Amino acid sequence: MDNPPIWTQQDLIAISQAISSGVLEVRFANGTTRYNSISDLLKARQAIQSYLDSQNGTVRIRQTLLYS
């Protein structure tokens, strides 16, 4: 069984900076990854954030506002 990736706060910062600058290639501590789209970067950032939250015992509440 594969071990889950070990993400750090620095990895989260790196991917967030890439998203804000529109760059598809991100340099992490363990290497460089090229993403196909900003959408893929956003998904990866969410995965990293979820991993870090689970390690810290943080629970994020997601709210959806509905208008009628």
N, C-alpha and C. Protein backbone atom coordinates (compact mmCIF):
# COMPACT_ATOMS: atom_id res chain seq x y z
N MET A 1 0.85 -1.19 0.00
CA MET A 1 0.00 0.00 0.00
C MET A 1 0.89 1.24 0.00
N ASP A 2 0.54 2.21 -0.84
CA ASP A 2 1.32 3.44 -0.92
C ASP A 2 1.04 4.34 0.27
N ASN A 3 2.07 5.02 0.73
CA ASN A 3 1.89 6.00 1.79
C ASN A 3 1.33 7.27 1.18
N PRO A 4 0.48 8.00 1.92
CA PRO A 4 -0.04 9.27 1.40
C PRO A 4 1.09 10.29 1.30
N PRO A 5 0.93 11.26 0.42
CA PRO A 5 1.98 12.28 0.30
C PRO A 5 2.11 13.07 1.60
N ILE A 6 3.30 13.48 1.90
CA ILE A 6 3.55 14.29 3.08
C ILE A 6 3.65 15.74 2.61
N TRP A 7 2.62 16.50 2.86
CA TRP A 7 2.57 17.91 2.45
C TRP A 7 2.96 18.80 3.60
N THR A 8 3.53 19.92 3.28
CA THR A 8 3.93 20.88 4.31
C THR A 8 3.23 22.22 4.06
N GLN A 9 3.32 23.10 5.03
CA GLN A 9 2.77 24.44 4.89
C GLN A 9 3.47 25.17 3.74
N GLN A 10 4.77 24.91 3.56
CA GLN A 10 5.51 25.53 2.46
C GLN A 10 4.97 25.09 1.10
N ASP A 11 4.53 23.83 1.01
CA ASP A 11 3.93 23.34 -0.24
C ASP A 11 2.62 24.07 -0.52
N LEU A 12 1.85 24.31 0.52
CA LEU A 12 0.59 25.04 0.36
C LEU A 12 0.85 26.47 -0.10
N ILE A 13 1.86 27.09 0.46
CA ILE A 13 2.23 28.45 0.05
C ILE A 13 2.69 28.46 -1.41
N ALA A 14 3.50 27.48 -1.79
CA ALA A 14 4.02 27.42 -3.16
C ALA A 14 2.89 27.27 -4.17
N ILE A 15 1.94 26.39 -3.89
CA ILE A 15 0.85 26.19 -4.85
C ILE A 15 -0.09 27.39 -4.87
N SER A 16 -0.28 28.03 -3.74
CA SER A 16 -1.12 29.23 -3.71
C SER A 16 -0.48 30.37 -4.51
N GLN A 17 0.84 30.50 -4.41
CA GLN A 17 1.53 31.53 -5.19
C GLN A 17 1.45 31.23 -6.68
N ALA A 18 1.54 29.97 -7.04
CA ALA A 18 1.43 29.59 -8.45
C ALA A 18 0.03 29.93 -8.98
N ILE A 19 -0.98 29.66 -8.19
CA ILE A 19 -2.36 29.96 -8.61
C ILE A 19 -2.53 31.47 -8.80
N SER A 20 -2.03 32.24 -7.85
CA SER A 20 -2.22 33.70 -7.93
C SER A 20 -1.44 34.32 -9.09
N SER A 21 -0.37 33.67 -9.53
CA SER A 21 0.41 34.22 -10.63
C SER A 21 0.10 33.55 -11.97
N GLY A 22 -0.76 32.53 -11.97
CA GLY A 22 -1.16 31.86 -13.20
C GLY A 22 -0.13 30.90 -13.75
N VAL A 23 0.81 30.48 -12.93
CA VAL A 23 1.87 29.55 -13.34
C VAL A 23 1.39 28.12 -13.12
N LEU A 24 1.65 27.23 -14.08
CA LEU A 24 1.19 25.85 -13.98
C LEU A 24 2.24 24.90 -13.42
N GLU A 25 3.46 25.37 -13.23
CA GLU A 25 4.53 24.54 -12.69
C GLU A 25 4.86 24.98 -11.27
N VAL A 26 4.87 24.02 -10.36
CA VAL A 26 5.09 24.32 -8.94
C VAL A 26 6.30 23.53 -8.45
N ARG A 27 7.18 24.22 -7.76
CA ARG A 27 8.35 23.57 -7.18
C ARG A 27 8.06 23.29 -5.71
N PHE A 28 7.97 22.01 -5.38
CA PHE A 28 7.75 21.57 -4.01
C PHE A 28 9.10 21.16 -3.42
N ALA A 29 9.09 20.82 -2.13
CA ALA A 29 10.33 20.41 -1.46
C ALA A 29 10.90 19.14 -2.09
N ASN A 30 10.02 18.25 -2.58
CA ASN A 30 10.49 16.97 -3.12
C ASN A 30 10.54 16.93 -4.65
N GLY A 31 10.37 18.06 -5.32
CA GLY A 31 10.46 18.08 -6.77
C GLY A 31 9.52 19.10 -7.39
N THR A 32 9.44 19.08 -8.70
CA THR A 32 8.62 20.02 -9.45
C THR A 32 7.47 19.27 -10.11
N THR A 33 6.29 19.86 -10.09
CA THR A 33 5.11 19.27 -10.73
C THR A 33 4.51 20.28 -11.68
N ARG A 34 4.17 19.83 -12.89
CA ARG A 34 3.49 20.68 -13.87
C ARG A 34 2.04 20.22 -13.96
N TYR A 35 1.14 21.16 -13.75
CA TYR A 35 -0.30 20.89 -13.81
C TYR A 35 -0.84 21.28 -15.18
N ASN A 36 -1.95 20.66 -15.57
CA ASN A 36 -2.54 20.92 -16.89
C ASN A 36 -3.35 22.21 -16.94
N SER A 37 -3.88 22.62 -15.78
CA SER A 37 -4.77 23.78 -15.77
C SER A 37 -4.81 24.39 -14.37
N ILE A 38 -5.36 25.58 -14.31
CA ILE A 38 -5.57 26.23 -13.01
C ILE A 38 -6.56 25.40 -12.19
N SER A 39 -7.52 24.80 -12.85
CA SER A 39 -8.48 23.93 -12.16
C SER A 39 -7.76 22.79 -11.43
N ASP A 40 -6.77 22.19 -12.09
CA ASP A 40 -5.98 21.13 -11.45
C ASP A 40 -5.19 21.67 -10.26
N LEU A 41 -4.66 22.88 -10.39
CA LEU A 41 -3.95 23.51 -9.28
C LEU A 41 -4.89 23.73 -8.09
N LEU A 42 -6.10 24.20 -8.38
CA LEU A 42 -7.07 24.44 -7.31
C LEU A 42 -7.43 23.14 -6.59
N LYS A 43 -7.59 22.07 -7.35
CA LYS A 43 -7.90 20.76 -6.75
C LYS A 43 -6.73 20.28 -5.88
N ALA A 44 -5.51 20.47 -6.38
CA ALA A 44 -4.33 20.06 -5.62
C ALA A 44 -4.20 20.88 -4.34
N ARG A 45 -4.47 22.20 -4.44
CA ARG A 45 -4.40 23.04 -3.24
C ARG A 45 -5.42 22.58 -2.20
N GLN A 46 -6.62 22.22 -2.65
CA GLN A 46 -7.64 21.72 -1.72
C GLN A 46 -7.19 20.42 -1.06
N ALA A 47 -6.56 19.55 -1.83
CA ALA A 47 -6.07 18.28 -1.28
C ALA A 47 -4.97 18.53 -0.24
N ILE A 48 -4.07 19.45 -0.54
CA ILE A 48 -3.00 19.78 0.41
C ILE A 48 -3.59 20.40 1.68
N GLN A 49 -4.53 21.33 1.50
CA GLN A 49 -5.17 21.97 2.66
C GLN A 49 -5.90 20.95 3.52
N SER A 50 -6.61 20.02 2.89
CA SER A 50 -7.32 18.99 3.64
C SER A 50 -6.35 18.09 4.41
N TYR A 51 -5.24 17.75 3.76
CA TYR A 51 -4.24 16.93 4.43
C TYR A 51 -3.67 17.64 5.65
N LEU A 52 -3.30 18.91 5.47
CA LEU A 52 -2.74 19.67 6.59
C LEU A 52 -3.76 19.84 7.71
N ASP A 53 -5.00 20.10 7.34
CA ASP A 53 -6.05 20.22 8.35
C ASP A 53 -6.22 18.93 9.14
N SER A 54 -6.17 17.79 8.45
CA SER A 54 -6.34 16.51 9.14
C SER A 54 -5.17 16.25 10.10
N GLN A 55 -3.98 16.70 9.73
CA GLN A 55 -2.82 16.52 10.59
C GLN A 55 -2.88 17.42 11.82
N ASN A 56 -3.54 18.57 11.66
CA ASN A 56 -3.64 19.53 12.76
C ASN A 56 -4.92 19.38 13.57
N GLY A 57 -5.79 18.46 13.15
CA GLY A 57 -7.05 18.28 13.85
C GLY A 57 -8.05 19.39 13.57
N THR A 58 -7.87 20.12 12.47
CA THR A 58 -8.75 21.22 12.12
C THR A 58 -9.93 20.70 11.31
N VAL A 59 -11.10 21.20 11.63
CA VAL A 59 -12.29 20.84 10.87
C VAL A 59 -12.78 22.09 10.17
N ARG A 60 -12.87 22.02 8.85
CA ARG A 60 -13.39 23.16 8.08
C ARG A 60 -14.86 22.95 7.81
N ILE A 61 -15.62 23.98 8.02
CA ILE A 61 -17.05 23.94 7.76
C ILE A 61 -17.28 24.63 6.42
N ARG A 62 -17.94 23.91 5.53
CA ARG A 62 -18.22 24.46 4.22
C ARG A 62 -19.67 24.93 4.20
N GLN A 63 -19.87 26.19 3.84
CA GLN A 63 -21.20 26.75 3.79
C GLN A 63 -21.57 27.06 2.35
N THR A 64 -22.81 26.80 2.00
CA THR A 64 -23.33 27.15 0.70
C THR A 64 -24.52 28.07 0.90
N LEU A 65 -24.44 29.24 0.31
CA LEU A 65 -25.54 30.18 0.43
C LEU A 65 -26.50 29.99 -0.73
N LEU A 66 -27.75 29.88 -0.42
CA LEU A 66 -28.78 29.72 -1.43
C LEU A 66 -29.66 30.94 -1.44
N TYR A 67 -29.92 31.46 -2.60
CA TYR A 67 -30.77 32.62 -2.76
C TYR A 67 -32.02 32.22 -3.51
N SER A 68 -33.12 32.81 -3.10
CA SER A 68 -34.35 32.50 -3.83
C SER A 68 -35.02 33.76 -4.29
